[in-house]
Amino acid sequence: MQNITPFLWFDDNAEEAAKYYVSLFEDSKITHVTYYDGAGPGDDGDVMTVSFSLRGLDFVALNGGRQGPDGTELGSRFDLAASSAVSFVVNCPTQDEVDRLWGELGKDGKPMQCGWITDKFGVTWQIVPEGFIDLIAGDDEEKSTRARTAMMEMEKLDINVLRRAYDGAAV
């Protein structure tokens, strides 16, 4: 068992979100579902939590309703998820995987700068190609600066464009 588990609060669509995420990532599965039984905001028999694993990282999704644990009103479904101040980095082995995940997460979502994207549930992801960090944080500061400058002009990251910028070729 991992020591820290991301816990995602949803109004009433935690199971839908968990099934969606599991469908996007290989080696992922729903591991457990619990149901309300008279305690809490849900009706008896409604899904309370969904435990799931994405590529070996465990998550829990809660149907917590619209009132937060401190009693404050949380608002709309999009307001229930973390802001982009909290995101999940997905390291992709190929540009094709970057393109696939970007396309899927972008359906009814919101693309942002530098490989960040908020999905239809309001959860923010960073879709990162393999080799990305080596380019933007490499030992050669001049080359890395060119790669970072190119990155700042992108929404979806393109490793080939970043490599060309790093090498000083026209992008």
Protein backbone atom coordinates (compact mmCIF):
# COMPACT_ATOMS: atom_id res chain seq x y z
CA MET A 1 0.00 0.00 0.00
CA GLN A 2 1.30 3.46 -0.87
CA ASN A 3 1.63 5.94 1.98
CA ILE A 4 -0.14 8.87 0.27
CA THR A 5 -3.23 8.39 -1.90
CA PRO A 6 -4.79 11.12 -4.08
CA PHE A 7 -8.41 11.59 -2.97
CA LEU A 8 -10.78 13.25 -5.44
CA TRP A 9 -14.08 14.79 -4.31
CA PHE A 10 -17.03 14.67 -6.70
CA ASP A 11 -20.63 15.76 -6.29
CA ASP A 12 -22.26 12.55 -7.53
CA ASN A 13 -20.21 11.17 -10.45
CA ALA A 14 -17.17 9.56 -8.80
CA GLU A 15 -17.87 6.17 -10.38
CA GLU A 16 -18.25 7.68 -13.85
CA ALA A 17 -14.94 9.52 -13.42
CA ALA A 18 -13.11 6.45 -12.12
CA LYS A 19 -14.36 4.30 -15.01
CA TYR A 20 -13.29 7.02 -17.45
CA TYR A 21 -9.76 7.28 -16.04
CA VAL A 22 -9.35 3.49 -15.90
CA SER A 23 -10.35 3.31 -19.58
CA LEU A 24 -7.58 5.78 -20.56
CA PHE A 25 -4.56 4.14 -18.93
CA GLU A 26 -3.14 0.65 -19.44
CA ASP A 27 -2.63 -1.45 -16.31
CA SER A 28 -5.47 0.35 -14.55
CA LYS A 29 -8.52 -0.96 -12.72
CA ILE A 30 -11.27 -0.26 -10.24
CA THR A 31 -10.31 -2.05 -7.04
CA HIS A 32 -13.22 -1.41 -4.67
CA VAL A 33 -16.57 0.34 -4.43
CA THR A 34 -18.33 1.31 -1.19
CA TYR A 35 -21.96 2.35 -0.85
CA TYR A 36 -23.85 4.74 1.41
CA ASP A 37 -25.90 3.01 4.11
CA GLY A 38 -27.78 5.81 5.81
CA ALA A 39 -24.81 7.91 6.92
CA GLY A 40 -23.61 10.83 4.83
CA PRO A 41 -25.05 12.84 1.99
CA GLY A 42 -25.92 9.89 -0.28
CA ASP A 43 -29.03 7.76 -0.34
CA ASP A 44 -28.85 4.13 0.81
CA GLY A 45 -27.22 2.08 -1.95
CA ASP A 46 -25.65 5.04 -3.78
CA VAL A 47 -21.95 4.81 -4.52
CA MET A 48 -19.93 6.50 -1.78
CA THR A 49 -16.30 5.82 -2.81
CA VAL A 50 -14.54 4.19 -5.72
CA SER A 51 -10.98 3.00 -5.22
CA PHE A 52 -9.01 2.63 -8.43
CA SER A 53 -5.47 2.25 -9.68
CA LEU A 54 -3.91 4.07 -12.63
CA ARG A 55 -0.62 2.50 -13.74
CA GLY A 56 0.01 1.30 -10.21
CA LEU A 57 -0.93 4.56 -8.42
CA ASP A 58 -3.93 4.19 -6.11
CA PHE A 59 -6.69 6.83 -6.03
CA VAL A 60 -9.98 7.20 -4.19
CA ALA A 61 -12.97 9.08 -5.64
CA LEU A 62 -15.77 10.19 -3.30
CA ASN A 63 -19.34 11.16 -4.04
CA GLY A 64 -19.32 13.76 -1.28
CA GLY A 65 -22.13 16.04 -2.35
CA ARG A 66 -21.94 19.80 -2.52
CA GLN A 67 -21.09 20.55 1.08
CA GLY A 68 -17.41 20.30 2.01
CA PRO A 69 -16.04 18.65 5.14
CA ASP A 70 -15.88 22.09 6.78
CA GLY A 71 -19.56 22.74 6.03
CA THR A 72 -19.02 25.21 3.19
CA GLU A 73 -21.05 25.06 -0.01
CA LEU A 74 -18.81 23.82 -2.82
CA GLY A 75 -20.78 24.93 -5.88
CA SER A 76 -20.87 23.31 -9.30
CA ARG A 77 -19.24 20.02 -10.30
CA PHE A 78 -16.26 21.78 -11.86
CA ASP A 79 -15.73 23.67 -8.59
CA LEU A 80 -15.56 20.38 -6.67
CA ALA A 81 -12.28 19.25 -8.23
CA ALA A 82 -8.92 20.69 -7.30
CA SER A 83 -7.77 23.81 -9.08
CA SER A 84 -4.85 23.57 -11.46
CA ALA A 85 -2.70 24.23 -8.39
CA VAL A 86 -2.91 20.43 -7.97
CA SER A 87 -2.34 18.28 -11.03
CA PHE A 88 -1.25 14.80 -12.03
CA VAL A 89 1.80 14.41 -14.27
CA VAL A 90 1.57 11.60 -16.81
CA ASN A 91 4.93 10.65 -18.32
CA CYS A 92 4.32 9.27 -21.79
CA PRO A 93 6.85 7.02 -23.56
CA THR A 94 5.90 8.27 -27.04
CA GLN A 95 4.46 11.32 -28.78
CA ASP A 96 1.60 9.08 -29.95
CA GLU A 97 0.69 8.46 -26.29
CA VAL A 98 0.84 12.22 -25.60
CA ASP A 99 -1.46 12.82 -28.58
CA ARG A 100 -3.92 10.07 -27.53
CA LEU A 101 -4.22 11.17 -23.90
CA TRP A 102 -4.39 14.84 -24.85
CA GLY A 103 -7.21 14.08 -27.26
CA GLU A 104 -9.17 11.98 -24.76
CA LEU A 105 -8.72 14.26 -21.75
CA GLY A 106 -9.48 17.29 -23.92
CA LYS A 107 -12.95 16.04 -24.84
CA ASP A 108 -15.19 18.46 -22.94
CA GLY A 109 -12.08 19.64 -21.11
CA LYS A 110 -9.89 22.72 -21.22
CA PRO A 111 -6.36 22.71 -22.69
CA MET A 112 -3.86 25.02 -21.06
CA GLN A 113 -0.31 26.15 -21.69
CA CYS A 114 2.77 23.90 -21.36
CA GLY A 115 1.07 20.50 -21.54
CA TRP A 116 -1.54 21.11 -18.85
CA ILE A 117 -5.15 20.11 -19.46
CA THR A 118 -8.26 20.07 -17.28
CA ASP A 119 -10.59 17.18 -18.09
CA LYS A 120 -14.39 17.12 -18.17
CA PHE A 121 -14.50 16.41 -14.42
CA GLY A 122 -12.33 19.41 -13.55
CA VAL A 123 -9.20 17.39 -12.73
CA THR A 124 -5.94 18.86 -14.06
CA TRP A 125 -3.28 16.74 -15.76
CA GLN A 126 0.16 17.42 -17.21
CA ILE A 127 0.75 15.23 -20.27
CA VAL A 128 4.53 15.02 -20.68
CA PRO A 129 6.60 13.25 -23.37
CA GLU A 130 9.62 11.18 -22.41
CA GLY A 131 12.79 13.28 -22.53
CA PHE A 132 10.93 16.51 -21.76
CA ILE A 133 12.73 17.29 -18.48
CA ASP A 134 16.14 16.62 -20.06
CA LEU A 135 15.39 19.30 -22.64
CA ILE A 136 13.97 22.03 -20.42
CA ALA A 137 16.31 21.45 -17.46
CA GLY A 138 19.47 20.15 -19.13
CA ASP A 139 23.07 21.03 -18.34
CA ASP A 140 23.34 23.46 -21.26
CA GLU A 141 21.38 26.50 -20.07
CA GLU A 142 21.27 28.17 -23.49
CA LYS A 143 19.77 25.07 -25.13
CA SER A 144 17.33 24.52 -22.27
CA THR A 145 16.22 28.14 -22.45
CA ARG A 146 15.35 27.67 -26.13
CA ALA A 147 13.35 24.52 -25.28
CA ARG A 148 11.52 26.31 -22.43
CA THR A 149 10.72 29.22 -24.73
CA ALA A 150 9.22 26.79 -27.27
CA MET A 151 7.30 25.05 -24.48
CA MET A 152 5.73 28.34 -23.38
CA GLU A 153 4.19 28.72 -26.85
CA MET A 154 2.53 25.27 -26.75
CA GLU A 155 -0.58 23.82 -25.27
CA LYS A 156 -0.01 20.12 -26.08
CA LEU A 157 3.70 19.35 -25.81
CA ASP A 158 5.45 18.15 -28.97
CA ILE A 159 8.76 16.49 -28.18
CA ASN A 160 10.06 16.89 -31.75
CA VAL A 161 9.48 20.66 -31.72
CA LEU A 162 11.12 20.87 -28.31
CA ARG A 163 14.16 18.90 -29.53
CA ARG A 164 14.53 21.18 -32.57
CA ALA A 165 14.37 24.26 -30.33
CA TYR A 166 16.91 22.73 -27.96
CA ASP A 167 19.25 22.03 -30.90
CA GLY A 168 18.82 25.56 -32.24
CA ALA A 169 16.92 24.55 -35.37
CA ALA A 170 14.00 26.59 -36.64
CA VAL A 171 10.71 25.57 -35.06
